[in-house]
Amino acid sequence: MRASDLLGTDAYDVDGRYLGRIADLLTEPGPDGTPVVRAALVAPRRRVRLLGYERDELRRPWLIDRIARWLHRDVREIPWTSVRLAKLPGTD
């Protein structure tokens, strides 16, 4: 599976509650050096294009920073172990 296959996919928590759509994946090197997904950035209300401005370590012009923070205000980082891609049967 490719990361691009997951972008825009509905995400649920372990109890089957809707979290939003996957906007991006955060990875880290695994034991053998290959990337391993550690978290998903989830946008609860809409499909979001992040363009890298959600990363706090980036320096950007003040105006772009304010606009990016407003656009990404609902984006949350969810540990990958807490994300389910399918709704559990019997949950709303």
PDB file of N, CA and C in Angstrom:
ATOM      1  N   MET A   1       0.847  -1.174   0.000  1.00  0.00           N
ATOM      2  CA  MET A   1       0.000   0.000   0.000  1.00  0.00           C
ATOM      3  C   MET A   1       0.892   1.237   0.000  1.00  0.00           C
ATOM      4  N   ARG A   2       0.488   2.228  -0.740  1.00  0.00           N
ATOM      5  CA  ARG A   2       1.217   3.493  -0.807  1.00  0.00           C
ATOM      6  C   ARG A   2       0.551   4.516   0.106  1.00  0.00           C
ATOM      7  N   ALA A   3       1.346   5.455   0.579  1.00  0.00           N
ATOM      8  CA  ALA A   3       0.804   6.515   1.434  1.00  0.00           C
ATOM      9  C   ALA A   3      -0.290   7.282   0.699  1.00  0.00           C
ATOM     10  N   SER A   4      -0.126   7.490  -0.594  1.00  0.00           N
ATOM     11  CA  SER A   4      -1.123   8.242  -1.362  1.00  0.00           C
ATOM     12  C   SER A   4      -2.469   7.533  -1.381  1.00  0.00           C
ATOM     13  N   ASP A   5      -2.484   6.204  -1.194  1.00  0.00           N
ATOM     14  CA  ASP A   5      -3.750   5.471  -1.126  1.00  0.00           C
ATOM     15  C   ASP A   5      -4.545   5.835   0.126  1.00  0.00           C
ATOM     16  N   LEU A   6      -3.864   6.307   1.167  1.00  0.00           N
ATOM     17  CA  LEU A   6      -4.528   6.612   2.439  1.00  0.00           C
ATOM     18  C   LEU A   6      -4.988   8.065   2.550  1.00  0.00           C
ATOM     19  N   LEU A   7      -4.378   8.959   1.801  1.00  0.00           N
ATOM     20  CA  LEU A   7      -4.737  10.380   1.892  1.00  0.00           C
ATOM     21  C   LEU A   7      -6.185  10.583   1.447  1.00  0.00           C
ATOM     22  N   GLY A   8      -6.953  11.270   2.285  1.00  0.00           N
ATOM     23  CA  GLY A   8      -8.363  11.506   2.005  1.00  0.00           C
ATOM     24  C   GLY A   8      -9.284  10.405   2.513  1.00  0.00           C
ATOM     25  N   THR A   9      -8.692   9.341   3.066  1.00  0.00           N
ATOM     26  CA  THR A   9      -9.478   8.225   3.587  1.00  0.00           C
ATOM     27  C   THR A   9     -10.099   8.601   4.929  1.00  0.00           C
ATOM     28  N   ASP A  10     -11.327   8.156   5.161  1.00  0.00           N
ATOM     29  CA  ASP A  10     -11.975   8.376   6.456  1.00  0.00           C
ATOM     30  C   ASP A  10     -11.223   7.609   7.534  1.00  0.00           C
ATOM     31  N   ALA A  11     -11.034   8.255   8.687  1.00  0.00           N
ATOM     32  CA  ALA A  11     -10.339   7.641   9.816  1.00  0.00           C
ATOM     33  C   ALA A  11     -11.266   7.609  11.020  1.00  0.00           C
ATOM     34  N   TYR A  12     -11.167   6.531  11.773  1.00  0.00           N
ATOM     35  CA  TYR A  12     -11.980   6.324  12.976  1.00  0.00           C
ATOM     36  C   TYR A  12     -11.053   5.996  14.130  1.00  0.00           C
ATOM     37  N   ASP A  13     -11.513   6.239  15.358  1.00  0.00           N
ATOM     38  CA  ASP A  13     -10.718   5.844  16.510  1.00  0.00           C
ATOM     39  C   ASP A  13     -10.987   4.370  16.829  1.00  0.00           C
ATOM     40  N   VAL A  14     -10.343   3.854  17.854  1.00  0.00           N
ATOM     41  CA  VAL A  14     -10.470   2.434  18.175  1.00  0.00           C
ATOM     42  C   VAL A  14     -11.888   2.052  18.604  1.00  0.00           C
ATOM     43  N   ASP A  15     -12.698   3.034  19.010  1.00  0.00           N
ATOM     44  CA  ASP A  15     -14.088   2.775  19.395  1.00  0.00           C
ATOM     45  C   ASP A  15     -15.062   2.970  18.235  1.00  0.00           C
ATOM     46  N   GLY A  16     -14.544   3.305  17.061  1.00  0.00           N
ATOM     47  CA  GLY A  16     -15.388   3.481  15.886  1.00  0.00           C
ATOM     48  C   GLY A  16     -15.922   4.877  15.675  1.00  0.00           C
ATOM     49  N   ARG A  17     -15.480   5.844  16.481  1.00  0.00           N
ATOM     50  CA  ARG A  17     -15.921   7.243  16.297  1.00  0.00           C
ATOM     51  C   ARG A  17     -15.149   7.885  15.145  1.00  0.00           C
ATOM     52  N   TYR A  18     -15.875   8.636  14.338  1.00  0.00           N
ATOM     53  CA  TYR A  18     -15.274   9.301  13.183  1.00  0.00           C
ATOM     54  C   TYR A  18     -14.312  10.389  13.637  1.00  0.00           C
ATOM     55  N   LEU A  19     -13.092  10.368  13.116  1.00  0.00           N
ATOM     56  CA  LEU A  19     -12.087  11.386  13.430  1.00  0.00           C
ATOM     57  C   LEU A  19     -11.990  12.440  12.336  1.00  0.00           C
ATOM     58  N   GLY A  20     -12.176  12.029  11.098  1.00  0.00           N
ATOM     59  CA  GLY A  20     -12.022  12.921   9.962  1.00  0.00           C
ATOM     60  C   GLY A  20     -11.332  12.193   8.833  1.00  0.00           C
ATOM     61  N   ARG A  21     -10.759  12.972   7.939  1.00  0.00           N
ATOM     62  CA  ARG A  21     -10.037  12.397   6.792  1.00  0.00           C
ATOM     63  C   ARG A  21      -8.544  12.543   6.994  1.00  0.00           C
ATOM     64  N   ILE A  22      -7.820  11.555   6.538  1.00  0.00           N
ATOM     65  CA  ILE A  22      -6.363  11.585   6.655  1.00  0.00           C
ATOM     66  C   ILE A  22      -5.821  12.623   5.675  1.00  0.00           C
ATOM     67  N   ALA A  23      -5.120  13.620   6.218  1.00  0.00           N
ATOM     68  CA  ALA A  23      -4.544  14.692   5.410  1.00  0.00           C
ATOM     69  C   ALA A  23      -3.064  14.436   5.118  1.00  0.00           C
ATOM     70  N   ASP A  24      -2.389  13.727   6.028  1.00  0.00           N
ATOM     71  CA  ASP A  24      -0.963  13.443   5.840  1.00  0.00           C
ATOM     72  C   ASP A  24      -0.563  12.337   6.802  1.00  0.00           C
ATOM     73  N   LEU A  25       0.560  11.714   6.520  1.00  0.00           N
ATOM     74  CA  LEU A  25       1.108  10.681   7.390  1.00  0.00           C
ATOM     75  C   LEU A  25       2.476  11.120   7.883  1.00  0.00           C
ATOM     76  N   LEU A  26       2.764  10.832   9.141  1.00  0.00           N
ATOM     77  CA  LEU A  26       4.069  11.131   9.725  1.00  0.00           C
ATOM     78  C   LEU A  26       4.800   9.808   9.901  1.00  0.00           C
ATOM     79  N   THR A  27       6.046   9.762   9.442  1.00  0.00           N
ATOM     80  CA  THR A  27       6.816   8.524   9.512  1.00  0.00           C
ATOM     81  C   THR A  27       8.102   8.732  10.295  1.00  0.00           C
ATOM     82  N   GLU A  28       8.703   7.614  10.648  1.00  0.00           N
ATOM     83  CA  GLU A  28      10.029   7.612  11.259  1.00  0.00           C
ATOM     84  C   GLU A  28      10.726   6.360  10.776  1.00  0.00           C
ATOM     85  N   PRO A  29      12.056   6.348  10.813  1.00  0.00           N
ATOM     86  CA  PRO A  29      12.776   5.150  10.367  1.00  0.00           C
ATOM     87  C   PRO A  29      12.500   3.964  11.303  1.00  0.00           C
ATOM     88  N   GLY A  30      12.215   2.814  10.707  1.00  0.00           N
ATOM     89  CA  GLY A  30      12.036   1.587  11.476  1.00  0.00           C
ATOM     90  C   GLY A  30      13.378   0.967  11.802  1.00  0.00           C
ATOM     91  N   PRO A  31      13.382  -0.186  12.460  1.00  0.00           N
ATOM     92  CA  PRO A  31      14.630  -0.846  12.850  1.00  0.00           C
ATOM     93  C   PRO A  31      15.563  -1.132  11.674  1.00  0.00           C
ATOM     94  N   ASP A  32      14.990  -1.412  10.510  1.00  0.00           N
ATOM     95  CA  ASP A  32      15.818  -1.702   9.333  1.00  0.00           C
ATOM     96  C   ASP A  32      16.036  -0.471   8.457  1.00  0.00           C
ATOM     97  N   GLY A  33      15.570   0.699   8.922  1.00  0.00           N
ATOM     98  CA  GLY A  33      15.775   1.940   8.182  1.00  0.00           C
ATOM     99  C   GLY A  33      14.647   2.315   7.243  1.00  0.00           C
ATOM    100  N   THR A  34      13.705   1.411   7.016  1.00  0.00           N
ATOM    101  CA  THR A  34      12.583   1.748   6.146  1.00  0.00           C
ATOM    102  C   THR A  34      11.563   2.586   6.918  1.00  0.00           C
ATOM    103  N   PRO A  35      10.854   3.479   6.239  1.00  0.00           N
ATOM    104  CA  PRO A  35       9.884   4.338   6.926  1.00  0.00           C
ATOM    105  C   PRO A  35       8.728   3.530   7.525  1.00  0.00           C
ATOM    106  N   VAL A  36       8.332   3.918   8.730  1.00  0.00           N
ATOM    107  CA  VAL A  36       7.202   3.319   9.430  1.00  0.00           C
ATOM    108  C   VAL A  36       6.259   4.451   9.823  1.00  0.00           C
ATOM    109  N   VAL A  37       4.971   4.271   9.548  1.00  0.00           N
ATOM    110  CA  VAL A  37       3.989   5.303   9.901  1.00  0.00           C
ATOM    111  C   VAL A  37       3.851   5.354  11.417  1.00  0.00           C
ATOM    112  N   ARG A  38       4.013   6.561  11.995  1.00  0.00           N
ATOM    113  CA  ARG A  38       3.863   6.721  13.444  1.00  0.00           C
ATOM    114  C   ARG A  38       2.608   7.489  13.818  1.00  0.00           C
ATOM    115  N   ALA A  39       2.086   8.314  12.896  1.00  0.00           N
ATOM    116  CA  ALA A  39       0.888   9.105  13.189  1.00  0.00           C
ATOM    117  C   ALA A  39       0.244   9.561  11.880  1.00  0.00           C
ATOM    118  N   ALA A  40      -1.008   9.958  12.007  1.00  0.00           N
ATOM    119  CA  ALA A  40      -1.737  10.540  10.886  1.00  0.00           C
ATOM    120  C   ALA A  40      -2.183  11.937  11.279  1.00  0.00           C
ATOM    121  N   LEU A  41      -2.120  12.856  10.338  1.00  0.00           N
ATOM    122  CA  LEU A  41      -2.720  14.178  10.532  1.00  0.00           C
ATOM    123  C   LEU A  41      -4.130  14.080   9.974  1.00  0.00           C
ATOM    124  N   VAL A  42      -5.101  14.356  10.830  1.00  0.00           N
ATOM    125  CA  VAL A  42      -6.503  14.152  10.482  1.00  0.00           C
ATOM    126  C   VAL A  42      -7.241  15.489  10.534  1.00  0.00           C
ATOM    127  N   ALA A  43      -8.006  15.748   9.481  1.00  0.00           N
ATOM    128  CA  ALA A  43      -8.834  16.959   9.399  1.00  0.00           C
ATOM    129  C   ALA A  43     -10.288  16.532   9.544  1.00  0.00           C
ATOM    130  N   PRO A  44     -10.973  16.983  10.606  1.00  0.00           N
ATOM    131  CA  PRO A  44     -12.315  16.487  10.885  1.00  0.00           C
ATOM    132  C   PRO A  44     -13.425  16.968   9.949  1.00  0.00           C
ATOM    133  N   ARG A  45     -13.299  18.133   9.341  1.00  0.00           N
ATOM    134  CA  ARG A  45     -14.437  18.672   8.609  1.00  0.00           C
ATOM    135  C   ARG A  45     -14.287  18.705   7.099  1.00  0.00           C
ATOM    136  N   ARG A  46     -13.121  18.757   6.610  1.00  0.00           N
ATOM    137  CA  ARG A  46     -12.967  18.968   5.183  1.00  0.00           C
ATOM    138  C   ARG A  46     -11.666  18.336   4.701  1.00  0.00           C
ATOM    139  N   ARG A  47     -11.579  18.222   3.408  1.00  0.00           N
ATOM    140  CA  ARG A  47     -10.321  17.770   2.816  1.00  0.00           C
ATOM    141  C   ARG A  47      -9.368  18.959   2.849  1.00  0.00           C
ATOM    142  N   VAL A  48      -8.157  18.721   3.311  1.00  0.00           N
ATOM    143  CA  VAL A  48      -7.198  19.806   3.528  1.00  0.00           C
ATOM    144  C   VAL A  48      -5.920  19.548   2.737  1.00  0.00           C
ATOM    145  N   ARG A  49      -5.397  20.593   2.122  1.00  0.00           N
ATOM    146  CA  ARG A  49      -4.075  20.554   1.514  1.00  0.00           C
ATOM    147  C   ARG A  49      -3.142  21.228   2.503  1.00  0.00           C
ATOM    148  N   LEU A  50      -2.138  20.505   2.970  1.00  0.00           N
ATOM    149  CA  LEU A  50      -1.292  21.040   4.033  1.00  0.00           C
ATOM    150  C   LEU A  50      -0.102  21.838   3.504  1.00  0.00           C
ATOM    151  N   LEU A  51       0.501  21.416   2.430  1.00  0.00           N
ATOM    152  CA  LEU A  51       1.608  22.131   1.799  1.00  0.00           C
ATOM    153  C   LEU A  51       2.804  22.356   2.718  1.00  0.00           C
ATOM    154  N   GLY A  52       2.885  21.621   3.822  1.00  0.00           N
ATOM    155  CA  GLY A  52       4.026  21.728   4.723  1.00  0.00           C
ATOM    156  C   GLY A  52       3.923  22.822   5.760  1.00  0.00           C
ATOM    157  N   TYR A  53       2.920  23.681   5.673  1.00  0.00           N
ATOM    158  CA  TYR A  53       2.824  24.798   6.604  1.00  0.00           C
ATOM    159  C   TYR A  53       2.306  24.408   7.981  1.00  0.00           C
ATOM    160  N   GLU A  54       1.865  23.159   8.146  1.00  0.00           N
ATOM    161  CA  GLU A  54       1.393  22.722   9.456  1.00  0.00           C
ATOM    162  C   GLU A  54       2.554  22.342  10.376  1.00  0.00           C
ATOM    163  N   ARG A  55       3.734  22.254   9.840  1.00  0.00           N
ATOM    164  CA  ARG A  55       4.900  21.870  10.631  1.00  0.00           C
ATOM    165  C   ARG A  55       5.440  23.081  11.371  1.00  0.00           C
ATOM    166  N   ASP A  56       5.447  23.015  12.697  1.00  0.00           N
ATOM    167  CA  ASP A  56       5.845  24.155  13.520  1.00  0.00           C
ATOM    168  C   ASP A  56       7.306  24.547  13.367  1.00  0.00           C
ATOM    169  N   GLU A  57       8.141  23.596  12.968  1.00  0.00           N
ATOM    170  CA  GLU A  57       9.563  23.928  12.887  1.00  0.00           C
ATOM    171  C   GLU A  57       9.916  24.770  11.650  1.00  0.00           C
ATOM    172  N   LEU A  58       8.974  24.934  10.732  1.00  0.00           N
ATOM    173  CA  LEU A  58       9.244  25.751   9.552  1.00  0.00           C
ATOM    174  C   LEU A  58       9.093  27.232   9.867  1.00  0.00           C
ATOM    175  N   ARG A  59       9.981  28.025   9.313  1.00  0.00           N
ATOM    176  CA  ARG A  59       9.865  29.477   9.440  1.00  0.00           C
ATOM    177  C   ARG A  59       9.226  29.980   8.153  1.00  0.00           C
ATOM    178  N   ARG A  60       8.276  30.860   8.307  1.00  0.00           N
ATOM    179  CA  ARG A  60       7.554  31.383   7.162  1.00  0.00           C
ATOM    180  C   ARG A  60       7.159  32.828   7.426  1.00  0.00           C
ATOM    181  N   PRO A  61       6.832  33.562   6.372  1.00  0.00           N
ATOM    182  CA  PRO A  61       6.402  34.947   6.568  1.00  0.00           C
ATOM    183  C   PRO A  61       5.193  35.018   7.496  1.00  0.00           C
ATOM    184  N   TRP A  62       5.090  36.104   8.251  1.00  0.00           N
ATOM    185  CA  TRP A  62       4.045  36.274   9.249  1.00  0.00           C
ATOM    186  C   TRP A  62       2.647  36.058   8.679  1.00  0.00           C
ATOM    187  N   LEU A  63       2.335  36.674   7.549  1.00  0.00           N
ATOM    188  CA  LEU A  63       0.997  36.580   6.980  1.00  0.00           C
ATOM    189  C   LEU A  63       0.678  35.139   6.572  1.00  0.00           C
ATOM    190  N   ILE A  64       1.617  34.471   5.937  1.00  0.00           N
ATOM    191  CA  ILE A  64       1.406  33.071   5.549  1.00  0.00           C
ATOM    192  C   ILE A  64       1.237  32.211   6.788  1.00  0.00           C
ATOM    193  N   ASP A  65       1.989  32.500   7.838  1.00  0.00           N
ATOM    194  CA  ASP A  65       1.868  31.763   9.089  1.00  0.00           C
ATOM    195  C   ASP A  65       0.459  31.885   9.654  1.00  0.00           C
ATOM    196  N   ARG A  66      -0.095  33.097   9.690  1.00  0.00           N
ATOM    197  CA  ARG A  66      -1.434  33.314  10.241  1.00  0.00           C
ATOM    198  C   ARG A  66      -2.506  32.607   9.403  1.00  0.00           C
ATOM    199  N   ILE A  67      -2.383  32.719   8.091  1.00  0.00           N
ATOM    200  CA  ILE A  67      -3.353  32.067   7.204  1.00  0.00           C
ATOM    201  C   ILE A  67      -3.269  30.549   7.362  1.00  0.00           C
ATOM    202  N   ALA A  68      -2.052  30.006   7.389  1.00  0.00           N
ATOM    203  CA  ALA A  68      -1.868  28.557   7.526  1.00  0.00           C
ATOM    204  C   ALA A  68      -2.413  28.055   8.860  1.00  0.00           C
ATOM    205  N   ARG A  69      -2.165  28.790   9.930  1.00  0.00           N
ATOM    206  CA  ARG A  69      -2.688  28.380  11.246  1.00  0.00           C
ATOM    207  C   ARG A  69      -4.220  28.388  11.254  1.00  0.00           C
ATOM    208  N   TRP A  70      -4.834  29.368  10.607  1.00  0.00           N
ATOM    209  CA  TRP A  70      -6.289  29.417  10.558  1.00  0.00           C
ATOM    210  C   TRP A  70      -6.836  28.258   9.713  1.00  0.00           C
ATOM    211  N   LEU A  71      -6.227  28.004   8.562  1.00  0.00           N
ATOM    212  CA  LEU A  71      -6.691  26.928   7.688  1.00  0.00           C
ATOM    213  C   LEU A  71      -6.532  25.552   8.324  1.00  0.00           C
ATOM    214  N   HIS A  72      -5.489  25.396   9.137  1.00  0.00           N
ATOM    215  CA  HIS A  72      -5.169  24.088   9.721  1.00  0.00           C
ATOM    216  C   HIS A  72      -5.571  23.977  11.185  1.00  0.00           C
ATOM    217  N   ARG A  73      -6.432  24.854  11.651  1.00  0.00           N
ATOM    218  CA  ARG A  73      -6.768  24.903  13.078  1.00  0.00           C
ATOM    219  C   ARG A  73      -7.398  23.618  13.595  1.00  0.00           C
ATOM    220  N   ASP A  74      -8.064  22.846  12.746  1.00  0.00           N
ATOM    221  CA  ASP A  74      -8.722  21.620  13.186  1.00  0.00           C
ATOM    222  C   ASP A  74      -7.904  20.357  12.923  1.00  0.00           C
ATOM    223  N   VAL A  75      -6.766  20.488  12.294  1.00  0.00           N
ATOM    224  CA  VAL A  75      -5.948  19.315  11.974  1.00  0.00           C
ATOM    225  C   VAL A  75      -5.294  18.808  13.257  1.00  0.00           C
ATOM    226  N   ARG A  76      -5.441  17.495  13.492  1.00  0.00           N
ATOM    227  CA  ARG A  76      -4.881  16.894  14.710  1.00  0.00           C
ATOM    228  C   ARG A  76      -3.954  15.750  14.356  1.00  0.00           C
ATOM    229  N   GLU A  77      -2.941  15.567  15.169  1.00  0.00           N
ATOM    230  CA  GLU A  77      -2.037  14.439  15.014  1.00  0.00           C
ATOM    231  C   GLU A  77      -2.552  13.291  15.876  1.00  0.00           C
ATOM    232  N   ILE A  78      -2.832  12.154  15.240  1.00  0.00           N
ATOM    233  CA  ILE A  78      -3.368  10.982  15.923  1.00  0.00           C
ATOM    234  C   ILE A  78      -2.341   9.854  15.790  1.00  0.00           C
ATOM    235  N   PRO A  79      -1.935   9.231  16.898  1.00  0.00           N
ATOM    236  CA  PRO A  79      -1.006   8.095  16.801  1.00  0.00           C
ATOM    237  C   PRO A  79      -1.576   7.021  15.874  1.00  0.00           C
ATOM    238  N   TRP A  80      -0.737   6.453  15.030  1.00  0.00           N
ATOM    239  CA  TRP A  80      -1.187   5.480  14.055  1.00  0.00           C
ATOM    240  C   TRP A  80      -1.847   4.266  14.714  1.00  0.00           C
ATOM    241  N   THR A  81      -1.398   3.910  15.901  1.00  0.00           N
ATOM    242  CA  THR A  81      -1.986   2.769  16.607  1.00  0.00           C
ATOM    243  C   THR A  81      -3.423   3.051  17.050  1.00  0.00           C
ATOM    244  N   SER A  82      -3.837   4.319  17.024  1.00  0.00           N
ATOM    245  CA  SER A  82      -5.194   4.703  17.433  1.00  0.00           C
ATOM    246  C   SER A  82      -6.116   4.954  16.248  1.00  0.00           C
ATOM    247  N   VAL A  83      -5.632   4.738  15.030  1.00  0.00           N
ATOM    248  CA  VAL A  83      -6.404   5.019  13.821  1.00  0.00           C
ATOM    249  C   VAL A  83      -6.919   3.710  13.230  1.00  0.00           C
ATOM    250  N   ARG A  84      -8.201   3.724  12.878  1.00  0.00           N
ATOM    251  CA  ARG A  84      -8.809   2.619  12.147  1.00  0.00           C
ATOM    252  C   ARG A  84      -9.341   3.192  10.838  1.00  0.00           C
ATOM    253  N   LEU A  85      -9.198   2.425   9.762  1.00  0.00           N
ATOM    254  CA  LEU A  85      -9.631   2.905   8.451  1.00  0.00           C
ATOM    255  C   LEU A  85     -11.044   2.469   8.098  1.00  0.00           C
ATOM    256  N   ALA A  86     -11.615   1.582   8.887  1.00  0.00           N
ATOM    257  CA  ALA A  86     -12.975   1.124   8.640  1.00  0.00           C
ATOM    258  C   ALA A  86     -13.806   1.323   9.901  1.00  0.00           C
ATOM    259  N   LYS A  87     -15.021   1.714   9.692  1.00  0.00           N
ATOM    260  CA  LYS A  87     -15.943   1.894  10.812  1.00  0.00           C
ATOM    261  C   LYS A  87     -16.305   0.527  11.398  1.00  0.00           C
ATOM    262  N   LEU A  88     -16.356   0.444  12.710  1.00  0.00           N
ATOM    263  CA  LEU A  88     -16.734  -0.805  13.361  1.00  0.00           C
ATOM    264  C   LEU A  88     -18.223  -1.061  13.188  1.00  0.00           C
ATOM    265  N   PRO A  89     -18.616  -2.304  12.961  1.00  0.00           N
ATOM    266  CA  PRO A  89     -20.047  -2.606  12.850  1.00  0.00           C
ATOM    267  C   PRO A  89     -20.793  -2.200  14.126  1.00  0.00           C
ATOM    268  N   GLY A  90     -21.972  -1.634  13.966  1.00  0.00           N
ATOM    269  CA  GLY A  90     -22.803  -1.266  15.112  1.00  0.00           C
ATOM    270  C   GLY A  90     -22.461   0.069  15.745  1.00  0.00           C
ATOM    271  N   THR A  91     -21.552   0.848  15.145  1.00  0.00           N
ATOM    272  CA  THR A  91     -21.217   2.171  15.690  1.00  0.00           C
ATOM    273  C   THR A  91     -21.824   3.237  14.793  1.00  0.00           C
ATOM    274  N   ASP A  92     -22.117   4.397  15.385  1.00  0.00           N
ATOM    275  CA  ASP A  92     -22.708   5.496  14.605  1.00  0.00           C
ATOM    276  C   ASP A  92     -21.661   6.439  14.108  1.00  0.00           C
TER     277      ASP A  92
END
